[in-house]
PDB file of N, CA and C in Angstrom:
ATOM      1  N   MET A   1     -25.830 -37.427 -68.876  1.00  0.00           N
ATOM      2  CA  MET A   1     -25.370 -38.547 -68.524  1.00  0.00           C
ATOM      3  C   MET A   1     -24.233 -38.748 -67.680  1.00  0.00           C
ATOM      4  N   LYS A   2     -24.249 -39.322 -66.359  1.00  0.00           N
ATOM      5  CA  LYS A   2     -23.435 -39.117 -65.450  1.00  0.00           C
ATOM      6  C   LYS A   2     -22.269 -40.236 -65.543  1.00  0.00           C
ATOM      7  N   GLU A   3     -21.124 -39.538 -65.379  1.00  0.00           N
ATOM      8  CA  GLU A   3     -19.869 -40.373 -65.728  1.00  0.00           C
ATOM      9  C   GLU A   3     -19.339 -41.080 -64.434  1.00  0.00           C
ATOM     10  N   LYS A   4     -18.802 -42.188 -64.489  1.00  0.00           N
ATOM     11  CA  LYS A   4     -18.600 -42.962 -63.311  1.00  0.00           C
ATOM     12  C   LYS A   4     -17.162 -42.684 -62.784  1.00  0.00           C
ATOM     13  N   SER A   5     -16.704 -42.403 -61.504  1.00  0.00           N
ATOM     14  CA  SER A   5     -15.392 -42.331 -61.096  1.00  0.00           C
ATOM     15  C   SER A   5     -14.516 -43.413 -61.366  1.00  0.00           C
ATOM     16  N   TYR A   6     -13.314 -43.259 -61.393  1.00  0.00           N
ATOM     17  CA  TYR A   6     -12.240 -44.154 -61.405  1.00  0.00           C
ATOM     18  C   TYR A   6     -12.343 -45.289 -60.641  1.00  0.00           C
ATOM     19  N   THR A   7     -12.645 -44.831 -59.216  1.00  0.00           N
ATOM     20  CA  THR A   7     -13.080 -46.049 -58.359  1.00  0.00           C
ATOM     21  C   THR A   7     -14.331 -46.641 -58.551  1.00  0.00           C
ATOM     22  N   GLU A   8     -15.006 -46.278 -59.142  1.00  0.00           N
ATOM     23  CA  GLU A   8     -16.303 -47.006 -59.151  1.00  0.00           C
ATOM     24  C   GLU A   8     -15.976 -47.883 -60.639  1.00  0.00           C
ATOM     25  N   LEU A   9     -15.430 -47.446 -61.582  1.00  0.00           N
ATOM     26  CA  LEU A   9     -15.181 -48.244 -62.699  1.00  0.00           C
ATOM     27  C   LEU A   9     -13.916 -49.561 -62.234  1.00  0.00           C
ATOM     28  N   MET A  10     -13.260 -49.146 -61.447  1.00  0.00           N
ATOM     29  CA  MET A  10     -12.426 -50.267 -60.744  1.00  0.00           C
ATOM     30  C   MET A  10     -13.186 -51.376 -59.986  1.00  0.00           C
ATOM     31  N   LYS A  11     -14.409 -50.942 -59.352  1.00  0.00           N
ATOM     32  CA  LYS A  11     -14.964 -51.885 -58.509  1.00  0.00           C
ATOM     33  C   LYS A  11     -15.909 -52.458 -59.608  1.00  0.00           C
ATOM     34  N   LEU A  12     -16.654 -52.041 -60.590  1.00  0.00           N
ATOM     35  CA  LEU A  12     -17.281 -52.638 -61.477  1.00  0.00           C
ATOM     36  C   LEU A  12     -16.356 -53.515 -62.237  1.00  0.00           C
ATOM     37  N   SER A  13     -15.586 -53.344 -62.751  1.00  0.00           N
ATOM     38  CA  SER A  13     -14.347 -54.402 -63.536  1.00  0.00           C
ATOM     39  C   SER A  13     -14.094 -55.722 -62.584  1.00  0.00           C
ATOM     40  N   ALA A  14     -13.713 -55.283 -61.424  1.00  0.00           N
ATOM     41  CA  ALA A  14     -13.359 -56.186 -60.449  1.00  0.00           C
ATOM     42  C   ALA A  14     -14.575 -57.175 -60.222  1.00  0.00           C
ATOM     43  N   MET A  15     -15.690 -56.754 -60.056  1.00  0.00           N
ATOM     44  CA  MET A  15     -16.892 -57.587 -59.813  1.00  0.00           C
ATOM     45  C   MET A  15     -17.171 -58.272 -61.270  1.00  0.00           C
ATOM     46  N   ASN A  16     -17.083 -57.564 -62.509  1.00  0.00           N
ATOM     47  CA  ASN A  16     -17.278 -58.301 -63.818  1.00  0.00           C
ATOM     48  C   ASN A  16     -16.462 -59.706 -63.557  1.00  0.00           C
ATOM     49  N   ARG A  17     -14.991 -59.617 -63.358  1.00  0.00           N
ATOM     50  CA  ARG A  17     -13.994 -60.604 -63.469  1.00  0.00           C
ATOM     51  C   ARG A  17     -14.425 -61.657 -62.487  1.00  0.00           C
ATOM     52  N   SER A  18     -15.083 -61.343 -61.234  1.00  0.00           N
ATOM     53  CA  SER A  18     -15.444 -62.226 -60.456  1.00  0.00           C
ATOM     54  C   SER A  18     -16.540 -62.956 -60.931  1.00  0.00           C
ATOM     55  N   GLN A  19     -17.586 -62.398 -61.568  1.00  0.00           N
ATOM     56  CA  GLN A  19     -18.792 -62.936 -62.278  1.00  0.00           C
ATOM     57  C   GLN A  19     -18.324 -63.827 -63.406  1.00  0.00           C
ATOM     58  N   ASP A  20     -17.410 -63.443 -64.045  1.00  0.00           N
ATOM     59  CA  ASP A  20     -16.722 -64.316 -65.141  1.00  0.00           C
ATOM     60  C   ASP A  20     -16.120 -65.674 -64.625  1.00  0.00           C
ATOM     61  N   LYS A  21     -15.454 -65.750 -63.665  1.00  0.00           N
ATOM     62  CA  LYS A  21     -14.851 -66.544 -62.845  1.00  0.00           C
ATOM     63  C   LYS A  21     -15.774 -67.580 -62.472  1.00  0.00           C
ATOM     64  N   GLU A  22     -16.985 -66.955 -61.816  1.00  0.00           N
ATOM     65  CA  GLU A  22     -17.885 -67.862 -61.319  1.00  0.00           C
ATOM     66  C   GLU A  22     -18.785 -68.782 -62.219  1.00  0.00           C
ATOM     67  N   ARG A  23     -18.866 -67.844 -63.475  1.00  0.00           N
ATOM     68  CA  ARG A  23     -19.732 -68.471 -64.700  1.00  0.00           C
ATOM     69  C   ARG A  23     -18.779 -69.648 -65.260  1.00  0.00           C
ATOM     70  N   PHE A  24     -17.771 -69.378 -65.255  1.00  0.00           N
ATOM     71  CA  PHE A  24     -16.579 -70.492 -65.866  1.00  0.00           C
ATOM     72  C   PHE A  24     -16.518 -71.730 -65.090  1.00  0.00           C
ATOM     73  N   MET A  25     -16.458 -71.458 -63.531  1.00  0.00           N
ATOM     74  CA  MET A  25     -16.722 -72.633 -62.601  1.00  0.00           C
ATOM     75  C   MET A  25     -17.803 -73.275 -62.828  1.00  0.00           C
ATOM     76  N   GLN A  26     -18.973 -72.468 -62.957  1.00  0.00           N
ATOM     77  CA  GLN A  26     -20.271 -73.407 -63.123  1.00  0.00           C
ATOM     78  C   GLN A  26     -20.249 -74.270 -64.239  1.00  0.00           C
ATOM     79  N   ASN A  27     -19.962 -73.404 -65.295  1.00  0.00           N
ATOM     80  CA  ASN A  27     -19.737 -74.202 -66.723  1.00  0.00           C
ATOM     81  C   ASN A  27     -18.902 -75.704 -66.667  1.00  0.00           C
ATOM     82  N   LEU A  28     -17.721 -75.338 -65.776  1.00  0.00           N
ATOM     83  CA  LEU A  28     -16.762 -76.644 -65.741  1.00  0.00           C
ATOM     84  C   LEU A  28     -17.550 -77.621 -64.872  1.00  0.00           C
ATOM     85  N   TYR A  29     -18.465 -77.340 -63.856  1.00  0.00           N
ATOM     86  CA  TYR A  29     -19.098 -78.250 -62.825  1.00  0.00           C
ATOM     87  C   TYR A  29     -19.889 -78.886 -63.814  1.00  0.00           C
ATOM     88  N   ILE A  30     -20.862 -78.144 -64.678  1.00  0.00           N
ATOM     89  CA  ILE A  30     -21.897 -78.795 -65.295  1.00  0.00           C
ATOM     90  C   ILE A  30     -21.434 -79.819 -66.556  1.00  0.00           C
ATOM     91  N   GLU A  31     -20.120 -79.234 -67.175  1.00  0.00           N
ATOM     92  CA  GLU A  31     -19.631 -80.387 -68.241  1.00  0.00           C
ATOM     93  C   GLU A  31     -19.269 -81.419 -67.470  1.00  0.00           C
ATOM     94  N   MET A  32     -18.506 -81.397 -66.261  1.00  0.00           N
ATOM     95  CA  MET A  32     -18.164 -82.534 -65.711  1.00  0.00           C
ATOM     96  C   MET A  32     -19.221 -83.462 -64.986  1.00  0.00           C
ATOM     97  N   LEU A  33     -20.560 -82.946 -64.781  1.00  0.00           N
ATOM     98  CA  LEU A  33     -21.444 -83.740 -64.420  1.00  0.00           C
ATOM     99  C   LEU A  33     -21.903 -84.455 -65.497  1.00  0.00           C
ATOM    100  N   LEU A  34     -22.376 -83.707 -66.733  1.00  0.00           N
ATOM    101  CA  LEU A  34     -22.527 -84.251 -67.791  1.00  0.00           C
ATOM    102  C   LEU A  34     -21.835 -85.624 -68.309  1.00  0.00           C
ATOM    103  N   THR A  35     -20.607 -85.104 -68.269  1.00  0.00           N
ATOM    104  CA  THR A  35     -19.367 -86.225 -68.728  1.00  0.00           C
ATOM    105  C   THR A  35     -19.582 -87.450 -67.795  1.00  0.00           C
ATOM    106  N   GLU A  36     -19.857 -87.304 -66.588  1.00  0.00           N
ATOM    107  CA  GLU A  36     -19.999 -88.307 -65.302  1.00  0.00           C
ATOM    108  C   GLU A  36     -21.134 -89.138 -65.888  1.00  0.00           C
ATOM    109  N   ILE A  37     -22.347 -88.667 -66.384  1.00  0.00           N
ATOM    110  CA  ILE A  37     -23.504 -89.089 -66.512  1.00  0.00           C
ATOM    111  C   ILE A  37     -23.520 -89.938 -67.825  1.00  0.00           C
ATOM    112  N   GLN A  38     -22.899 -89.310 -68.775  1.00  0.00           N
ATOM    113  CA  GLN A  38     -22.570 -90.018 -69.923  1.00  0.00           C
ATOM    114  C   GLN A  38     -21.839 -91.400 -69.846  1.00  0.00           C
ATOM    115  N   LEU A  39     -20.752 -91.394 -68.843  1.00  0.00           N
ATOM    116  CA  LEU A  39     -19.995 -92.403 -68.639  1.00  0.00           C
ATOM    117  C   LEU A  39     -20.598 -93.577 -68.058  1.00  0.00           C
ATOM    118  N   LYS A  40     -21.422 -93.175 -66.854  1.00  0.00           N
ATOM    119  CA  LYS A  40     -22.317 -94.213 -66.395  1.00  0.00           C
ATOM    120  C   LYS A  40     -23.376 -94.850 -67.079  1.00  0.00           C
ATOM    121  N   ILE A  41     -23.994 -94.294 -67.901  1.00  0.00           N
ATOM    122  CA  ILE A  41     -24.928 -94.838 -68.956  1.00  0.00           C
ATOM    123  C   ILE A  41     -24.022 -95.608 -69.881  1.00  0.00           C
ATOM    124  N   GLU A  42     -23.049 -94.988 -70.367  1.00  0.00           N
ATOM    125  CA  GLU A  42     -22.465 -96.151 -71.413  1.00  0.00           C
ATOM    126  C   GLU A  42     -21.947 -97.624 -70.924  1.00  0.00           C
ATOM    127  N   LYS A  43     -21.505 -97.277 -69.428  1.00  0.00           N
ATOM    128  CA  LYS A  43     -21.068 -98.317 -68.800  1.00  0.00           C
ATOM    129  C   LYS A  43     -21.997 -99.381 -68.564  1.00  0.00           C
ATOM    130  N   GLU A  44     -23.393 -98.887 -68.256  1.00  0.00           N
ATOM    131  CA  GLU A  44     -24.451 -99.762 -67.921  1.00  0.00           C
ATOM    132  C   GLU A  44     -25.022-100.416 -68.851  1.00  0.00           C
ATOM    133  N   LYS A  45     -24.889 -99.827 -70.312  1.00  0.00           N
ATOM    134  CA  LYS A  45     -25.150-100.329 -71.573  1.00  0.00           C
ATOM    135  C   LYS A  45     -24.310-101.562 -71.997  1.00  0.00           C
ATOM    136  N   LEU A  46     -22.986-101.193 -71.751  1.00  0.00           N
ATOM    137  CA  LEU A  46     -22.007-102.372 -72.100  1.00  0.00           C
ATOM    138  C   LEU A  46     -22.097-103.580 -71.061  1.00  0.00           C
ATOM    139  N   THR A  47     -22.436-103.172 -69.752  1.00  0.00           N
ATOM    140  CA  THR A  47     -22.520-104.102 -68.777  1.00  0.00           C
ATOM    141  C   THR A  47     -23.701-105.052 -69.433  1.00  0.00           C
ATOM    142  N   LYS A  48     -24.852-104.558 -69.606  1.00  0.00           N
ATOM    143  CA  LYS A  48     -25.881-105.375 -69.735  1.00  0.00           C
ATOM    144  C   LYS A  48     -25.416-106.388 -70.928  1.00  0.00           C
ATOM    145  N   LYS A  49     -24.773-105.550 -72.076  1.00  0.00           N
ATOM    146  CA  LYS A  49     -24.524-106.444 -73.335  1.00  0.00           C
ATOM    147  C   LYS A  49     -23.620-107.458 -73.036  1.00  0.00           C
ATOM    148  N   ILE A  50     -22.744-107.143 -71.978  1.00  0.00           N
ATOM    149  CA  ILE A  50     -21.513-108.177 -71.826  1.00  0.00           C
ATOM    150  C   ILE A  50     -22.223-109.333 -70.980  1.00  0.00           C
ATOM    151  N   ASP A  51     -23.360-109.066 -70.051  1.00  0.00           N
ATOM    152  CA  ASP A  51     -24.107-109.950 -69.368  1.00  0.00           C
ATOM    153  C   ASP A  51     -24.947-110.909 -70.339  1.00  0.00           C
ATOM    154  N   ALA A  52     -25.309-110.237 -71.153  1.00  0.00           N
ATOM    155  CA  ALA A  52     -26.148-111.217 -72.307  1.00  0.00           C
ATOM    156  C   ALA A  52     -25.296-112.015 -72.918  1.00  0.00           C
ATOM    157  N   ALA A  53     -24.353-111.649 -73.465  1.00  0.00           N
ATOM    158  CA  ALA A  53     -23.079-112.196 -74.291  1.00  0.00           C
ATOM    159  C   ALA A  53     -22.860-113.636 -73.308  1.00  0.00           C
ATOM    160  N   ILE A  54     -22.458-113.202 -71.983  1.00  0.00           N
ATOM    161  CA  ILE A  54     -22.299-114.387 -71.077  1.00  0.00           C
ATOM    162  C   ILE A  54     -23.214-115.462 -71.051  1.00  0.00           C
ATOM    163  N   ASP A  55     -24.555-114.867 -70.724  1.00  0.00           N
ATOM    164  CA  ASP A  55     -25.828-115.680 -70.746  1.00  0.00           C
ATOM    165  C   ASP A  55     -26.061-116.764 -72.170  1.00  0.00           C
ATOM    166  N   ARG A  56     -25.450-116.006 -73.283  1.00  0.00           N
ATOM    167  CA  ARG A  56     -25.708-116.654 -74.671  1.00  0.00           C
ATOM    168  C   ARG A  56     -24.308-117.696 -74.832  1.00  0.00           C
ATOM    169  N   ARG A  57     -23.331-117.378 -73.805  1.00  0.00           N
ATOM    170  CA  ARG A  57     -22.167-118.105 -73.936  1.00  0.00           C
ATOM    171  C   ARG A  57     -21.313-117.901 -75.475  1.00  0.00           C
ATOM    172  N   ASP A  58     -21.613-116.520 -75.809  1.00  0.00           N
ATOM    173  CA  ASP A  58     -21.002-115.842 -76.904  1.00  0.00           C
ATOM    174  C   ASP A  58     -19.541-115.354 -76.699  1.00  0.00           C
ATOM    175  N   ARG A  59     -18.720-116.113 -76.778  1.00  0.00           N
ATOM    176  CA  ARG A  59     -17.438-115.616 -76.271  1.00  0.00           C
ATOM    177  C   ARG A  59     -16.691-114.667 -77.200  1.00  0.00           C
ATOM    178  N   GLN A  60     -17.058-114.707 -78.542  1.00  0.00           N
ATOM    179  CA  GLN A  60     -16.461-113.503 -79.364  1.00  0.00           C
ATOM    180  C   GLN A  60     -17.229-112.173 -78.978  1.00  0.00           C
ATOM    181  N   THR A  61     -18.551-112.240 -78.731  1.00  0.00           N
ATOM    182  CA  THR A  61     -19.112-110.872 -78.552  1.00  0.00           C
ATOM    183  C   THR A  61     -18.674-110.404 -77.019  1.00  0.00           C
ATOM    184  N   PHE A  62     -18.426-111.312 -76.204  1.00  0.00           N
ATOM    185  CA  PHE A  62     -18.051-111.154 -74.773  1.00  0.00           C
ATOM    186  C   PHE A  62     -16.772-110.319 -74.958  1.00  0.00           C
ATOM    187  N   LEU A  63     -15.677-110.964 -75.648  1.00  0.00           N
ATOM    188  CA  LEU A  63     -14.401-110.294 -75.752  1.00  0.00           C
ATOM    189  C   LEU A  63     -14.442-109.152 -76.374  1.00  0.00           C
ATOM    190  N   GLU A  64     -15.286-108.849 -77.563  1.00  0.00           N
ATOM    191  CA  GLU A  64     -15.145-107.475 -78.209  1.00  0.00           C
ATOM    192  C   GLU A  64     -15.963-106.471 -77.169  1.00  0.00           C
ATOM    193  N   LEU A  65     -16.952-106.843 -76.508  1.00  0.00           N
ATOM    194  CA  LEU A  65     -17.438-105.868 -75.569  1.00  0.00           C
ATOM    195  C   LEU A  65     -16.622-105.559 -74.392  1.00  0.00           C
ATOM    196  N   SER A  66     -16.012-106.608 -73.956  1.00  0.00           N
ATOM    197  CA  SER A  66     -15.194-106.469 -72.878  1.00  0.00           C
ATOM    198  C   SER A  66     -13.993-105.494 -73.224  1.00  0.00           C
ATOM    199  N   GLN A  67     -13.424-105.440 -74.495  1.00  0.00           N
ATOM    200  CA  GLN A  67     -12.538-104.622 -74.893  1.00  0.00           C
ATOM    201  C   GLN A  67     -12.925-103.041 -75.031  1.00  0.00           C
ATOM    202  N   LYS A  68     -14.205-102.907 -75.551  1.00  0.00           N
ATOM    203  CA  LYS A  68     -14.865-101.626 -75.651  1.00  0.00           C
ATOM    204  C   LYS A  68     -15.060-101.255 -73.931  1.00  0.00           C
ATOM    205  N   PHE A  69     -15.342-102.066 -73.120  1.00  0.00           N
ATOM    206  CA  PHE A  69     -15.438-101.563 -71.612  1.00  0.00           C
ATOM    207  C   PHE A  69     -14.265-101.080 -71.219  1.00  0.00           C
ATOM    208  N   ARG A  70     -13.292-101.831 -71.435  1.00  0.00           N
ATOM    209  CA  ARG A  70     -11.644-101.367 -71.073  1.00  0.00           C
ATOM    210  C   ARG A  70     -11.254-100.063 -71.478  1.00  0.00           C
ATOM    211  N   GLU A  71     -11.504 -99.907 -72.999  1.00  0.00           N
ATOM    212  CA  GLU A  71     -11.151 -98.757 -73.733  1.00  0.00           C
ATOM    213  C   GLU A  71     -12.127 -97.754 -73.068  1.00  0.00           C
ATOM    214  N   LEU A  72     -13.275 -97.846 -72.832  1.00  0.00           N
ATOM    215  CA  LEU A  72     -14.132 -96.500 -72.089  1.00  0.00           C
ATOM    216  C   LEU A  72     -13.705 -96.405 -70.749  1.00  0.00           C
ATOM    217  N   THR A  73     -13.400 -97.448 -69.896  1.00  0.00           N
ATOM    218  CA  THR A  73     -12.828 -97.160 -68.543  1.00  0.00           C
ATOM    219  C   THR A  73     -11.340 -96.175 -68.793  1.00  0.00           C
ATOM    220  N   LYS A  74     -10.501 -96.775 -69.842  1.00  0.00           N
ATOM    221  CA  LYS A  74      -9.195 -95.812 -69.795  1.00  0.00           C
ATOM    222  C   LYS A  74      -9.445 -94.538 -70.383  1.00  0.00           C
ATOM    223  N   ARG A  75     -10.479 -94.372 -71.178  1.00  0.00           N
ATOM    224  CA  ARG A  75     -10.715 -93.001 -71.942  1.00  0.00           C
ATOM    225  C   ARG A  75     -11.285 -92.020 -70.733  1.00  0.00           C
ATOM    226  N   PHE A  76     -12.010 -92.210 -69.762  1.00  0.00           N
ATOM    227  CA  PHE A  76     -12.378 -91.342 -68.812  1.00  0.00           C
ATOM    228  C   PHE A  76     -11.593 -91.593 -67.411  1.00  0.00           C
ATOM    229  N   GLY A  77     -10.596 -92.435 -67.558  1.00  0.00           N
ATOM    230  CA  GLY A  77      -9.635 -92.603 -66.458  1.00  0.00           C
ATOM    231  C   GLY A  77     -10.353 -93.025 -65.075  1.00  0.00           C
ATOM    232  N   THR A  78     -11.353 -94.035 -65.337  1.00  0.00           N
ATOM    233  CA  THR A  78     -12.049 -94.670 -64.212  1.00  0.00           C
ATOM    234  C   THR A  78     -11.225 -95.862 -64.138  1.00  0.00           C
TER     235      THR A  78
END
């Protein structure tokens, strides 16, 4: 079995660290994208329910859903 030189081991180690950073960033971007999609879907659902409550002139439901919408917006910082 051929042993690697110190220089080869250092290059390999640097490459591995670089790949780890790249994988971390990719995972971070994917997580951010999924969170953004989830937020948009939840906002759309709440908006439709709020609109329906307005159409029915259901003040109590409107107030409850509006509060949930504000909490959702606050939670995601949008």
